[in-house]
Amino acid sequence: MQLTCPMCKEKTTWKENPWRPFCSERCKLIDLGKWVLEEYKIHEEPAEEEKREGT
């Protein structure tokens, strides 16, 4: 099964790829670094308490 690396967009395989879904350890570490530096964020709705405090 072939897939596209989410970082560099190169084609890679799923089978026998220790870094999947990335094509290499380098791409995997770049992605991890982006999470650590908070370049990626998961947005969520404020909790009920926070909504009440804000009004």
N, C-alpha and C. Protein backbone atom coordinates (compact mmCIF):
# COMPACT_ATOMS: atom_id res chain seq x y z
N MET A 1 0.84 -1.17 0.00
CA MET A 1 0.00 0.00 0.00
C MET A 1 0.88 1.24 0.00
N GLN A 2 0.63 2.16 -0.93
CA GLN A 2 1.41 3.39 -1.00
C GLN A 2 0.63 4.54 -0.37
N LEU A 3 1.37 5.46 0.23
CA LEU A 3 0.76 6.65 0.80
C LEU A 3 1.70 7.82 0.63
N THR A 4 1.21 9.01 0.90
CA THR A 4 1.99 10.22 0.76
C THR A 4 2.40 10.71 2.15
N CYS A 5 3.67 11.00 2.30
CA CYS A 5 4.19 11.50 3.58
C CYS A 5 3.52 12.84 3.88
N PRO A 6 2.96 13.02 5.09
CA PRO A 6 2.29 14.27 5.42
C PRO A 6 3.24 15.48 5.52
N MET A 7 4.54 15.25 5.66
CA MET A 7 5.47 16.38 5.78
C MET A 7 6.05 16.80 4.43
N CYS A 8 6.66 15.88 3.71
CA CYS A 8 7.36 16.24 2.47
C CYS A 8 6.60 15.87 1.20
N LYS A 9 5.50 15.16 1.34
CA LYS A 9 4.63 14.76 0.23
C LYS A 9 5.24 13.73 -0.71
N GLU A 10 6.32 13.07 -0.29
CA GLU A 10 6.90 12.00 -1.10
C GLU A 10 6.09 10.73 -0.93
N LYS A 11 6.10 9.89 -1.94
CA LYS A 11 5.42 8.61 -1.87
C LYS A 11 6.24 7.65 -1.02
N THR A 12 5.56 6.87 -0.21
CA THR A 12 6.22 5.88 0.63
C THR A 12 5.30 4.67 0.75
N THR A 13 5.77 3.62 1.36
CA THR A 13 4.96 2.42 1.53
C THR A 13 4.57 2.27 2.99
N TRP A 14 3.50 1.56 3.21
CA TRP A 14 3.03 1.32 4.58
C TRP A 14 3.77 0.13 5.17
N LYS A 15 3.90 -0.92 4.37
CA LYS A 15 4.52 -2.16 4.85
C LYS A 15 6.01 -1.95 5.09
N GLU A 16 6.47 -2.48 6.19
CA GLU A 16 7.90 -2.45 6.55
C GLU A 16 8.47 -1.04 6.61
N ASN A 17 7.66 -0.06 6.96
CA ASN A 17 8.12 1.32 7.13
C ASN A 17 8.00 1.67 8.61
N PRO A 18 9.10 1.71 9.34
CA PRO A 18 9.04 1.96 10.78
C PRO A 18 8.59 3.37 11.15
N TRP A 19 8.58 4.30 10.18
CA TRP A 19 8.21 5.69 10.48
C TRP A 19 6.83 6.07 9.98
N ARG A 20 6.05 5.07 9.56
CA ARG A 20 4.75 5.39 8.96
C ARG A 20 3.88 6.22 9.87
N PRO A 21 3.15 7.14 9.40
CA PRO A 21 2.84 7.44 8.00
C PRO A 21 3.88 8.33 7.32
N PHE A 22 4.99 8.62 7.99
CA PHE A 22 6.03 9.44 7.40
C PHE A 22 6.97 8.59 6.57
N CYS A 23 7.74 9.25 5.69
CA CYS A 23 8.65 8.49 4.82
C CYS A 23 9.99 8.23 5.48
N SER A 24 10.33 9.02 6.50
CA SER A 24 11.64 8.88 7.14
C SER A 24 11.58 9.36 8.59
N GLU A 25 12.64 9.05 9.30
CA GLU A 25 12.74 9.50 10.69
C GLU A 25 12.79 11.03 10.74
N ARG A 26 13.45 11.62 9.76
CA ARG A 26 13.56 13.08 9.69
C ARG A 26 12.17 13.73 9.65
N CYS A 27 11.31 13.26 8.76
CA CYS A 27 9.96 13.82 8.66
C CYS A 27 9.17 13.60 9.95
N LYS A 28 9.35 12.46 10.56
CA LYS A 28 8.66 12.17 11.81
C LYS A 28 9.10 13.15 12.91
N LEU A 29 10.40 13.44 12.99
CA LEU A 29 10.92 14.35 14.01
C LEU A 29 10.51 15.80 13.74
N ILE A 30 10.42 16.18 12.48
CA ILE A 30 9.95 17.53 12.13
C ILE A 30 8.52 17.70 12.63
N ASP A 31 7.68 16.70 12.40
CA ASP A 31 6.29 16.76 12.85
C ASP A 31 6.22 16.83 14.38
N LEU A 32 7.01 16.03 15.05
CA LEU A 32 7.04 16.05 16.52
C LEU A 32 7.46 17.43 17.02
N GLY A 33 8.45 18.02 16.38
CA GLY A 33 8.91 19.35 16.77
C GLY A 33 7.81 20.39 16.63
N LYS A 34 6.99 20.28 15.60
CA LYS A 34 5.88 21.22 15.41
C LYS A 34 4.86 21.10 16.55
N TRP A 35 4.62 19.88 17.02
CA TRP A 35 3.72 19.70 18.16
C TRP A 35 4.33 20.30 19.42
N VAL A 36 5.62 20.06 19.64
CA VAL A 36 6.29 20.56 20.84
C VAL A 36 6.30 22.09 20.87
N LEU A 37 6.50 22.71 19.71
CA LEU A 37 6.53 24.17 19.63
C LEU A 37 5.12 24.78 19.52
N GLU A 38 4.12 23.93 19.64
CA GLU A 38 2.71 24.33 19.60
C GLU A 38 2.32 25.01 18.29
N GLU A 39 2.93 24.56 17.18
CA GLU A 39 2.52 25.05 15.87
C GLU A 39 1.21 24.41 15.45
N TYR A 40 0.92 23.25 15.99
CA TYR A 40 -0.36 22.58 15.76
C TYR A 40 -1.18 22.75 17.04
N LYS A 41 -2.45 23.03 16.87
CA LYS A 41 -3.32 23.17 18.04
C LYS A 41 -4.64 22.51 17.76
N ILE A 42 -5.22 21.94 18.78
CA ILE A 42 -6.55 21.36 18.69
C ILE A 42 -7.48 22.33 19.40
N HIS A 43 -8.39 22.92 18.63
CA HIS A 43 -9.31 23.89 19.20
C HIS A 43 -10.49 23.17 19.82
N GLU A 44 -10.92 23.69 20.95
CA GLU A 44 -12.06 23.08 21.62
C GLU A 44 -12.96 24.19 22.16
N GLU A 45 -14.20 23.84 22.41
CA GLU A 45 -15.15 24.77 22.99
C GLU A 45 -14.78 24.99 24.46
N PRO A 46 -14.95 26.21 24.96
CA PRO A 46 -14.67 26.46 26.39
C PRO A 46 -15.60 25.62 27.27
N ALA A 47 -15.11 25.21 28.40
CA ALA A 47 -15.92 24.44 29.34
C ALA A 47 -17.04 25.33 29.88
N GLU A 48 -18.08 24.72 30.42
CA GLU A 48 -19.23 25.47 30.94
C GLU A 48 -18.80 26.50 31.99
N GLU A 49 -17.87 26.15 32.86
CA GLU A 49 -17.40 27.08 33.90
C GLU A 49 -16.76 28.32 33.27
N GLU A 50 -15.95 28.11 32.25
CA GLU A 50 -15.29 29.22 31.59
C GLU A 50 -16.31 30.11 30.89
N LYS A 51 -17.36 29.52 30.32
CA LYS A 51 -18.40 30.31 29.67
C LYS A 51 -19.11 31.20 30.69
N ARG A 52 -19.42 30.65 31.87
CA ARG A 52 -20.12 31.42 32.92
C ARG A 52 -19.25 32.54 33.46
N GLU A 53 -17.95 32.27 33.63
CA GLU A 53 -17.04 33.28 34.17
C GLU A 53 -16.85 34.43 33.19
N GLY A 54 -16.95 34.14 31.91
CA GLY A 54 -16.73 35.16 30.89
C GLY A 54 -17.92 36.09 30.70
N THR A 55 -19.07 35.78 31.26
CA THR A 55 -20.25 36.63 31.06
C THR A 55 -20.46 37.58 32.19
